[in-house]
Amino acid sequence: LPMESKFVPGVPMIGADDGPTRIDALKAALRTFISRRPDDRIGVVVFSDHAYVVSPLTNDKGPLFEYFDLVDPKTLVGEGMTAVGDGIDTARMLLTRQSSRGTRNKVIIVFTDGASNLGRDPIAALDDAAAAGDRVHVVGVDLRDEQRRRPEIAPFIRAIGAAGGRYYAADSNAEL
């Protein structure tokens, strides 16, 4: 299911046709999360066939939220793949270029609704992040059904923990 699919808050997302889209629910959850991180510098990278920096690292949450308003499935029209490894690499590049030397706690949070099917191997990207001291946490947005159909997701989820990150399953608005 694409990110513009609908789901009912508090009900598993698969097959629902009421409620906000998955992308809108994700943006709302991110706004809440970011609002609770007043001292953190946060940037945004989106990915599909390619990865793009939407916002550089910033403490100014106002413009960051405005950038969120610009992101929707039409942003990447013509693209339809899931290049998770490229998304991780682009986020690491952003952290490397815009963080001070010695910055601790460089964290990347990846939200994905599908198995990586294009670009760099996401497990290799996780390994590189771990070697650099960057933690990568992944939120699987409605991935449970996809996991049953795509066995390559399981090794990726295991690799997240092995690289020092955590995996979170978000199959409903409440879990997101």
N, C-alpha and C. Protein backbone atom coordinates (compact mmCIF):
# COMPACT_ATOMS: atom_id res chain seq x y z
N LEU A 1 0.83 -1.19 0.00
CA LEU A 1 0.00 0.00 0.00
C LEU A 1 0.87 1.25 0.00
N PRO A 2 0.57 2.19 -0.84
CA PRO A 2 1.37 3.42 -0.87
C PRO A 2 1.06 4.32 0.32
N MET A 3 1.94 5.29 0.55
CA MET A 3 1.79 6.19 1.69
C MET A 3 0.52 7.04 1.61
N GLU A 4 -0.08 7.18 0.42
CA GLU A 4 -1.32 7.96 0.36
C GLU A 4 -2.55 7.12 0.69
N SER A 5 -2.35 5.82 1.03
CA SER A 5 -3.46 4.98 1.46
C SER A 5 -4.01 5.50 2.78
N LYS A 6 -5.27 5.23 3.02
CA LYS A 6 -5.95 5.69 4.23
C LYS A 6 -5.90 4.61 5.31
N PHE A 7 -6.06 5.03 6.54
CA PHE A 7 -6.25 4.09 7.63
C PHE A 7 -7.06 4.75 8.73
N VAL A 8 -7.67 3.92 9.53
CA VAL A 8 -8.50 4.41 10.63
C VAL A 8 -7.62 4.48 11.87
N PRO A 9 -7.54 5.63 12.55
CA PRO A 9 -6.70 5.73 13.74
C PRO A 9 -7.02 4.64 14.76
N GLY A 10 -5.98 3.98 15.24
CA GLY A 10 -6.14 2.93 16.24
C GLY A 10 -6.52 1.58 15.68
N VAL A 11 -6.71 1.49 14.39
CA VAL A 11 -7.07 0.24 13.73
C VAL A 11 -5.95 -0.10 12.75
N PRO A 12 -5.60 -1.39 12.60
CA PRO A 12 -4.55 -1.72 11.64
C PRO A 12 -4.79 -1.05 10.30
N MET A 13 -3.71 -0.60 9.67
CA MET A 13 -3.81 0.21 8.47
C MET A 13 -4.23 -0.58 7.25
N ILE A 14 -3.93 -1.87 7.20
CA ILE A 14 -4.15 -2.65 6.00
C ILE A 14 -5.64 -2.71 5.68
N GLY A 15 -6.00 -2.30 4.48
CA GLY A 15 -7.36 -2.42 4.00
C GLY A 15 -8.32 -1.34 4.48
N ALA A 16 -7.89 -0.43 5.28
CA ALA A 16 -8.80 0.61 5.77
C ALA A 16 -9.00 1.67 4.70
N ASP A 17 -10.16 2.28 4.71
CA ASP A 17 -10.42 3.30 3.70
C ASP A 17 -10.95 4.60 4.31
N ASP A 18 -10.91 4.71 5.63
CA ASP A 18 -11.33 5.91 6.31
C ASP A 18 -10.15 6.49 7.06
N GLY A 19 -10.25 7.72 7.46
CA GLY A 19 -9.19 8.31 8.27
C GLY A 19 -8.13 8.98 7.43
N PRO A 20 -7.07 9.45 8.10
CA PRO A 20 -6.00 10.16 7.38
C PRO A 20 -5.19 9.19 6.53
N THR A 21 -4.47 9.74 5.58
CA THR A 21 -3.55 8.91 4.82
C THR A 21 -2.37 8.53 5.71
N ARG A 22 -1.64 7.51 5.31
CA ARG A 22 -0.48 7.10 6.10
C ARG A 22 0.55 8.23 6.16
N ILE A 23 0.73 8.97 5.05
CA ILE A 23 1.70 10.06 5.06
C ILE A 23 1.25 11.17 6.01
N ASP A 24 -0.04 11.46 6.05
CA ASP A 24 -0.53 12.50 6.96
C ASP A 24 -0.39 12.06 8.42
N ALA A 25 -0.68 10.79 8.70
CA ALA A 25 -0.50 10.28 10.06
C ALA A 25 0.97 10.31 10.45
N LEU A 26 1.85 9.97 9.51
CA LEU A 26 3.29 10.01 9.77
C LEU A 26 3.74 11.43 10.07
N LYS A 27 3.29 12.39 9.26
CA LYS A 27 3.67 13.79 9.49
C LYS A 27 3.17 14.28 10.85
N ALA A 28 1.96 13.89 11.23
CA ALA A 28 1.42 14.30 12.53
C ALA A 28 2.26 13.70 13.67
N ALA A 29 2.63 12.43 13.53
CA ALA A 29 3.46 11.79 14.56
C ALA A 29 4.84 12.45 14.63
N LEU A 30 5.40 12.79 13.49
CA LEU A 30 6.71 13.45 13.47
C LEU A 30 6.64 14.84 14.10
N ARG A 31 5.57 15.57 13.84
CA ARG A 31 5.41 16.89 14.46
C ARG A 31 5.39 16.76 15.99
N THR A 32 4.67 15.77 16.49
CA THR A 32 4.62 15.54 17.94
C THR A 32 6.00 15.18 18.47
N PHE A 33 6.68 14.26 17.80
CA PHE A 33 8.01 13.84 18.22
C PHE A 33 8.98 15.02 18.24
N ILE A 34 9.01 15.77 17.15
CA ILE A 34 9.94 16.90 17.03
C ILE A 34 9.62 17.98 18.06
N SER A 35 8.35 18.21 18.33
CA SER A 35 7.96 19.21 19.33
C SER A 35 8.50 18.85 20.71
N ARG A 36 8.69 17.57 20.94
CA ARG A 36 9.21 17.11 22.23
C ARG A 36 10.73 17.10 22.28
N ARG A 37 11.38 17.53 21.22
CA ARG A 37 12.85 17.56 21.14
C ARG A 37 13.32 18.99 20.93
N PRO A 38 13.08 19.91 21.86
CA PRO A 38 13.35 21.33 21.62
C PRO A 38 14.84 21.66 21.42
N ASP A 39 15.73 20.87 21.97
CA ASP A 39 17.15 21.20 21.88
C ASP A 39 17.89 20.44 20.80
N ASP A 40 17.21 19.58 20.08
CA ASP A 40 17.86 18.77 19.05
C ASP A 40 17.84 19.47 17.70
N ARG A 41 18.94 19.32 16.97
CA ARG A 41 18.96 19.75 15.58
C ARG A 41 18.42 18.59 14.76
N ILE A 42 17.45 18.87 13.93
CA ILE A 42 16.77 17.83 13.17
C ILE A 42 16.74 18.23 11.71
N GLY A 43 16.95 17.27 10.83
CA GLY A 43 16.84 17.46 9.39
C GLY A 43 15.88 16.42 8.83
N VAL A 44 15.50 16.59 7.58
CA VAL A 44 14.57 15.66 6.94
C VAL A 44 15.12 15.24 5.59
N VAL A 45 15.12 13.92 5.36
CA VAL A 45 15.48 13.33 4.09
C VAL A 45 14.30 12.46 3.66
N VAL A 46 13.88 12.55 2.40
CA VAL A 46 12.86 11.66 1.87
C VAL A 46 13.53 10.78 0.82
N PHE A 47 12.95 9.60 0.61
CA PHE A 47 13.51 8.72 -0.41
C PHE A 47 12.43 7.90 -1.07
N SER A 48 12.68 7.59 -2.31
CA SER A 48 11.88 6.67 -3.10
C SER A 48 12.89 6.02 -4.03
N ASP A 49 12.91 6.39 -5.32
CA ASP A 49 13.96 5.89 -6.22
C ASP A 49 15.32 6.49 -5.83
N HIS A 50 15.28 7.71 -5.34
CA HIS A 50 16.46 8.47 -4.93
C HIS A 50 16.19 9.08 -3.56
N ALA A 51 17.23 9.55 -2.93
CA ALA A 51 17.09 10.22 -1.63
C ALA A 51 17.34 11.71 -1.81
N TYR A 52 16.54 12.52 -1.10
CA TYR A 52 16.63 13.97 -1.22
C TYR A 52 16.62 14.61 0.16
N VAL A 53 17.45 15.63 0.34
CA VAL A 53 17.42 16.41 1.58
C VAL A 53 16.30 17.43 1.44
N VAL A 54 15.32 17.36 2.33
CA VAL A 54 14.20 18.30 2.34
C VAL A 54 14.53 19.48 3.25
N SER A 55 15.20 19.18 4.37
CA SER A 55 15.57 20.23 5.31
C SER A 55 16.94 19.92 5.89
N PRO A 56 17.82 20.91 5.93
CA PRO A 56 19.09 20.70 6.62
C PRO A 56 18.85 20.60 8.12
N LEU A 57 19.87 20.24 8.87
CA LEU A 57 19.74 20.19 10.32
C LEU A 57 19.42 21.58 10.85
N THR A 58 18.44 21.65 11.73
CA THR A 58 18.03 22.93 12.28
C THR A 58 17.44 22.77 13.67
N ASN A 59 17.57 23.80 14.47
CA ASN A 59 16.88 23.89 15.76
C ASN A 59 15.54 24.60 15.61
N ASP A 60 15.34 25.27 14.50
CA ASP A 60 14.15 26.08 14.25
C ASP A 60 13.03 25.18 13.73
N LYS A 61 12.11 24.83 14.60
CA LYS A 61 11.07 23.86 14.26
C LYS A 61 10.02 24.43 13.31
N GLY A 62 9.79 25.75 13.31
CA GLY A 62 8.79 26.34 12.43
C GLY A 62 9.02 26.02 10.97
N PRO A 63 10.19 26.38 10.42
CA PRO A 63 10.45 26.04 9.02
C PRO A 63 10.46 24.53 8.77
N LEU A 64 10.92 23.77 9.75
CA LEU A 64 10.94 22.32 9.60
C LEU A 64 9.51 21.81 9.38
N PHE A 65 8.56 22.31 10.16
CA PHE A 65 7.16 21.90 9.99
C PHE A 65 6.62 22.37 8.64
N GLU A 66 7.07 23.54 8.18
CA GLU A 66 6.64 24.01 6.86
C GLU A 66 7.14 23.08 5.76
N TYR A 67 8.37 22.57 5.92
CA TYR A 67 8.89 21.61 4.95
C TYR A 67 8.02 20.36 4.93
N PHE A 68 7.56 19.92 6.10
CA PHE A 68 6.67 18.75 6.15
C PHE A 68 5.43 18.95 5.29
N ASP A 69 4.90 20.19 5.33
CA ASP A 69 3.70 20.46 4.55
C ASP A 69 3.94 20.29 3.06
N LEU A 70 5.18 20.45 2.63
CA LEU A 70 5.52 20.32 1.22
C LEU A 70 5.69 18.87 0.78
N VAL A 71 5.91 17.97 1.72
CA VAL A 71 6.17 16.57 1.40
C VAL A 71 4.84 15.82 1.30
N ASP A 72 4.61 15.23 0.14
CA ASP A 72 3.47 14.35 -0.05
C ASP A 72 3.83 13.37 -1.16
N PRO A 73 3.01 12.37 -1.41
CA PRO A 73 3.36 11.38 -2.44
C PRO A 73 3.62 12.00 -3.81
N LYS A 74 3.03 13.16 -4.09
CA LYS A 74 3.27 13.82 -5.38
C LYS A 74 4.67 14.42 -5.46
N THR A 75 5.32 14.60 -4.30
CA THR A 75 6.67 15.15 -4.29
C THR A 75 7.60 14.27 -5.12
N LEU A 76 7.39 12.98 -5.04
CA LEU A 76 8.25 12.04 -5.75
C LEU A 76 7.50 11.35 -6.87
N VAL A 77 6.60 12.09 -7.54
CA VAL A 77 5.82 11.52 -8.63
C VAL A 77 6.77 10.98 -9.70
N GLY A 78 6.42 9.85 -10.24
CA GLY A 78 7.30 9.21 -11.22
C GLY A 78 8.27 8.25 -10.58
N GLU A 79 8.37 8.30 -9.26
CA GLU A 79 9.20 7.36 -8.55
C GLU A 79 8.27 6.43 -7.78
N GLY A 80 8.68 5.21 -7.59
CA GLY A 80 7.81 4.30 -6.88
C GLY A 80 8.56 3.19 -6.18
N MET A 81 9.85 3.29 -6.15
CA MET A 81 10.66 2.26 -5.52
C MET A 81 10.97 2.67 -4.07
N THR A 82 11.76 1.86 -3.39
CA THR A 82 12.09 2.12 -1.99
C THR A 82 13.59 1.93 -1.78
N ALA A 83 14.35 2.99 -1.87
CA ALA A 83 15.80 2.95 -1.75
C ALA A 83 16.21 3.28 -0.31
N VAL A 84 15.98 2.35 0.60
CA VAL A 84 16.25 2.57 2.03
C VAL A 84 17.73 2.85 2.27
N GLY A 85 18.61 2.08 1.67
CA GLY A 85 20.05 2.27 1.85
C GLY A 85 20.49 3.66 1.43
N ASP A 86 19.95 4.14 0.30
CA ASP A 86 20.29 5.49 -0.16
C ASP A 86 19.76 6.55 0.81
N GLY A 87 18.58 6.30 1.38
CA GLY A 87 18.04 7.23 2.38
C GLY A 87 18.94 7.32 3.60
N ILE A 88 19.42 6.16 4.08
CA ILE A 88 20.33 6.14 5.23
C ILE A 88 21.63 6.86 4.89
N ASP A 89 22.17 6.57 3.71
CA ASP A 89 23.43 7.22 3.32
C ASP A 89 23.28 8.73 3.19
N THR A 90 22.18 9.20 2.65
CA THR A 90 21.97 10.64 2.50
C THR A 90 21.82 11.29 3.87
N ALA A 91 21.11 10.64 4.78
CA ALA A 91 20.98 11.17 6.14
C ALA A 91 22.35 11.21 6.83
N ARG A 92 23.16 10.19 6.63
CA ARG A 92 24.51 10.19 7.23
C ARG A 92 25.36 11.31 6.65
N MET A 93 25.24 11.54 5.36
CA MET A 93 25.98 12.63 4.72
C MET A 93 25.57 13.96 5.34
N LEU A 94 24.27 14.15 5.55
CA LEU A 94 23.77 15.37 6.16
C LEU A 94 24.34 15.53 7.57
N LEU A 95 24.31 14.46 8.35
CA LEU A 95 24.86 14.51 9.72
C LEU A 95 26.35 14.82 9.70
N THR A 96 27.07 14.19 8.80
CA THR A 96 28.53 14.37 8.73
C THR A 96 28.88 15.81 8.35
N ARG A 97 28.19 16.34 7.38
CA ARG A 97 28.51 17.69 6.90
C ARG A 97 28.06 18.80 7.85
N GLN A 98 27.00 18.55 8.61
CA GLN A 98 26.43 19.63 9.40
C GLN A 98 26.59 19.46 10.91
N SER A 99 27.25 18.41 11.33
CA SER A 99 27.49 18.21 12.77
C SER A 99 28.90 18.65 13.12
N SER A 100 29.05 19.13 14.32
CA SER A 100 30.38 19.48 14.81
C SER A 100 31.16 18.22 15.11
N ARG A 101 32.47 18.32 14.97
CA ARG A 101 33.31 17.18 15.35
C ARG A 101 33.07 16.88 16.82
N GLY A 102 32.98 15.63 17.12
CA GLY A 102 32.78 15.24 18.50
C GLY A 102 31.32 15.24 18.94
N THR A 103 30.41 15.57 18.00
CA THR A 103 28.99 15.53 18.34
C THR A 103 28.62 14.10 18.71
N ARG A 104 27.99 13.99 19.87
CA ARG A 104 27.56 12.67 20.30
C ARG A 104 26.10 12.47 19.91
N ASN A 105 25.69 11.24 19.98
CA ASN A 105 24.28 10.91 19.78
C ASN A 105 23.75 11.34 18.42
N LYS A 106 24.48 11.01 17.36
CA LYS A 106 23.95 11.24 16.02
C LYS A 106 23.01 10.07 15.72
N VAL A 107 21.75 10.42 15.50
CA VAL A 107 20.71 9.41 15.33
C VAL A 107 19.95 9.67 14.04
N ILE A 108 19.67 8.60 13.34
CA ILE A 108 18.86 8.64 12.13
C ILE A 108 17.62 7.80 12.41
N ILE A 109 16.46 8.35 12.10
CA ILE A 109 15.23 7.59 12.24
C ILE A 109 14.64 7.45 10.84
N VAL A 110 14.51 6.21 10.40
CA VAL A 110 14.01 5.89 9.07
C VAL A 110 12.57 5.41 9.20
N PHE A 111 11.68 5.98 8.40
CA PHE A 111 10.31 5.50 8.32
C PHE A 111 10.16 4.88 6.93
N THR A 112 9.75 3.62 6.88
CA THR A 112 9.58 2.97 5.59
C THR A 112 8.33 2.12 5.60
N ASP A 113 7.68 2.08 4.44
CA ASP A 113 6.48 1.26 4.30
C ASP A 113 6.70 0.12 3.31
N GLY A 114 7.96 -0.16 3.00
CA GLY A 114 8.24 -1.25 2.06
C GLY A 114 9.64 -1.76 2.17
N ALA A 115 9.85 -2.90 1.54
CA ALA A 115 11.18 -3.49 1.48
C ALA A 115 12.04 -2.67 0.53
N SER A 116 13.31 -2.57 0.85
CA SER A 116 14.23 -1.87 -0.04
C SER A 116 14.32 -2.66 -1.34
N ASN A 117 14.10 -1.97 -2.46
CA ASN A 117 14.12 -2.66 -3.75
C ASN A 117 14.88 -1.89 -4.82
N LEU A 118 15.69 -0.95 -4.37
CA LEU A 118 16.49 -0.16 -5.31
C LEU A 118 17.65 0.47 -4.54
N GLY A 119 18.73 0.73 -5.24
CA GLY A 119 19.84 1.45 -4.63
C GLY A 119 20.72 0.58 -3.76
N ARG A 120 21.42 1.25 -2.88
CA ARG A 120 22.41 0.60 -2.02
C ARG A 120 21.76 -0.37 -1.04
N ASP A 121 22.45 -1.45 -0.76
CA ASP A 121 21.99 -2.44 0.19
C ASP A 121 21.82 -1.77 1.56
N PRO A 122 20.61 -1.80 2.14
CA PRO A 122 20.41 -1.12 3.41
C PRO A 122 21.21 -1.74 4.56
N ILE A 123 21.52 -3.02 4.48
CA ILE A 123 22.32 -3.64 5.55
C ILE A 123 23.74 -3.08 5.51
N ALA A 124 24.29 -2.89 4.32
CA ALA A 124 25.61 -2.27 4.20
C ALA A 124 25.58 -0.83 4.72
N ALA A 125 24.49 -0.11 4.43
CA ALA A 125 24.36 1.26 4.94
C ALA A 125 24.29 1.27 6.46
N LEU A 126 23.57 0.31 7.04
CA LEU A 126 23.52 0.19 8.51
C LEU A 126 24.90 -0.09 9.09
N ASP A 127 25.64 -1.00 8.45
CA ASP A 127 26.99 -1.33 8.91
C ASP A 127 27.90 -0.10 8.88
N ASP A 128 27.82 0.68 7.81
CA ASP A 128 28.64 1.89 7.71
C ASP A 128 28.26 2.90 8.78
N ALA A 129 26.96 3.03 9.03
CA ALA A 129 26.50 3.95 10.08
C ALA A 129 27.03 3.52 11.44
N ALA A 130 26.94 2.22 11.73
CA ALA A 130 27.43 1.72 13.02
C ALA A 130 28.92 1.95 13.15
N ALA A 131 29.68 1.72 12.08
CA ALA A 131 31.13 1.93 12.12
C ALA A 131 31.48 3.39 12.38
N ALA A 132 30.63 4.30 11.93
CA ALA A 132 30.87 5.74 12.14
C ALA A 132 30.31 6.23 13.47
N GLY A 133 29.63 5.35 14.20
CA GLY A 133 29.05 5.74 15.48
C GLY A 133 27.67 6.36 15.37
N ASP A 134 27.06 6.26 14.20
CA ASP A 134 25.70 6.78 14.00
C ASP A 134 24.70 5.66 14.26
N ARG A 135 23.70 5.95 15.08
CA ARG A 135 22.65 4.96 15.33
C ARG A 135 21.51 5.16 14.35
N VAL A 136 20.99 4.05 13.86
CA VAL A 136 19.86 4.10 12.94
C VAL A 136 18.71 3.31 13.55
N HIS A 137 17.60 4.00 13.79
CA HIS A 137 16.38 3.36 14.25
C HIS A 137 15.42 3.35 13.06
N VAL A 138 14.63 2.30 12.94
CA VAL A 138 13.71 2.17 11.81
C VAL A 138 12.30 1.94 12.32
N VAL A 139 11.36 2.68 11.74
CA VAL A 139 9.94 2.49 12.01
C VAL A 139 9.33 1.89 10.75
N GLY A 140 8.84 0.68 10.89
CA GLY A 140 8.17 0.01 9.78
C GLY A 140 6.71 0.41 9.78
N VAL A 141 6.32 1.24 8.82
CA VAL A 141 4.94 1.73 8.74
C VAL A 141 4.11 0.70 8.00
N ASP A 142 3.31 -0.05 8.76
CA ASP A 142 2.42 -1.05 8.19
C ASP A 142 3.20 -2.11 7.39
N LEU A 143 4.30 -2.59 7.95
CA LEU A 143 5.18 -3.53 7.26
C LEU A 143 4.88 -5.01 7.55
N ARG A 144 4.04 -5.31 8.52
CA ARG A 144 3.85 -6.72 8.89
C ARG A 144 3.42 -7.58 7.72
N ASP A 145 2.43 -7.15 6.96
CA ASP A 145 1.97 -7.92 5.81
C ASP A 145 3.06 -8.01 4.76
N GLU A 146 3.76 -6.91 4.57
CA GLU A 146 4.87 -6.88 3.60
C GLU A 146 5.97 -7.87 4.01
N GLN A 147 6.22 -8.00 5.32
CA GLN A 147 7.23 -8.94 5.80
C GLN A 147 6.88 -10.37 5.42
N ARG A 148 5.62 -10.71 5.45
CA ARG A 148 5.21 -12.08 5.08
C ARG A 148 5.46 -12.34 3.61
N ARG A 149 5.30 -11.33 2.78
CA ARG A 149 5.50 -11.50 1.33
C ARG A 149 6.94 -11.31 0.90
N ARG A 150 7.72 -10.57 1.66
CA ARG A 150 9.09 -10.23 1.26
C ARG A 150 10.08 -10.69 2.32
N PRO A 151 10.63 -11.88 2.17
CA PRO A 151 11.53 -12.42 3.20
C PRO A 151 12.79 -11.60 3.43
N GLU A 152 13.17 -10.73 2.52
CA GLU A 152 14.38 -9.92 2.69
C GLU A 152 14.23 -8.86 3.76
N ILE A 153 13.02 -8.61 4.22
CA ILE A 153 12.82 -7.62 5.28
C ILE A 153 13.35 -8.14 6.61
N ALA A 154 13.19 -9.43 6.90
CA ALA A 154 13.61 -9.99 8.19
C ALA A 154 15.11 -9.79 8.46
N PRO A 155 16.00 -10.11 7.49
CA PRO A 155 17.43 -9.85 7.75
C PRO A 155 17.74 -8.38 7.98
N PHE A 156 17.02 -7.49 7.31
CA PHE A 156 17.21 -6.05 7.50
C PHE A 156 16.83 -5.67 8.92
N ILE A 157 15.70 -6.17 9.40
CA ILE A 157 15.25 -5.86 10.76
C ILE A 157 16.25 -6.39 11.79
N ARG A 158 16.77 -7.59 11.57
CA ARG A 158 17.79 -8.13 12.48
C ARG A 158 19.05 -7.27 12.45
N ALA A 159 19.43 -6.80 11.27
CA ALA A 159 20.64 -5.99 11.12
C ALA A 159 20.52 -4.65 11.85
N ILE A 160 19.32 -4.13 11.97
CA ILE A 160 19.12 -2.86 12.67
C ILE A 160 19.61 -2.99 14.11
N GLY A 161 19.18 -4.06 14.79
CA GLY A 161 19.61 -4.29 16.17
C GLY A 161 21.09 -4.58 16.27
N ALA A 162 21.61 -5.36 15.32
CA ALA A 162 23.04 -5.69 15.32
C ALA A 162 23.90 -4.45 15.14
N ALA A 163 23.35 -3.43 14.46
CA ALA A 163 24.08 -2.19 14.22
C ALA A 163 23.86 -1.16 15.33
N GLY A 164 23.14 -1.55 16.39
CA GLY A 164 22.95 -0.65 17.53
C GLY A 164 21.66 0.14 17.52
N GLY A 165 20.80 -0.10 16.54
CA GLY A 165 19.53 0.62 16.47
C GLY A 165 18.38 -0.23 16.98
N ARG A 166 17.19 0.30 16.84
CA ARG A 166 15.99 -0.42 17.23
C ARG A 166 14.98 -0.38 16.10
N TYR A 167 14.18 -1.43 16.03
CA TYR A 167 13.11 -1.48 15.04
C TYR A 167 11.78 -1.34 15.77
N TYR A 168 10.90 -0.50 15.23
CA TYR A 168 9.58 -0.28 15.78
C TYR A 168 8.55 -0.58 14.70
N ALA A 169 7.60 -1.45 15.00
CA ALA A 169 6.51 -1.72 14.07
C ALA A 169 5.38 -0.74 14.35
N ALA A 170 4.91 -0.07 13.33
CA ALA A 170 3.81 0.89 13.46
C ALA A 170 2.71 0.47 12.48
N ASP A 171 1.78 -0.33 12.99
CA ASP A 171 0.70 -0.82 12.16
C ASP A 171 -0.61 -0.06 12.38
N SER A 172 -0.55 0.98 13.19
CA SER A 172 -1.73 1.81 13.43
C SER A 172 -1.27 3.22 13.78
N ASN A 173 -2.20 4.13 13.73
CA ASN A 173 -1.90 5.51 14.09
C ASN A 173 -1.37 5.59 15.51
N ALA A 174 -1.96 4.82 16.42
CA ALA A 174 -1.54 4.85 17.82
C ALA A 174 -0.09 4.37 17.97
N GLU A 175 0.28 3.35 17.23
CA GLU A 175 1.66 2.85 17.30
C GLU A 175 2.65 3.82 16.67
N LEU A 176 2.20 4.54 15.66
CA LEU A 176 3.05 5.51 15.01
C LEU A 176 3.44 6.60 15.99
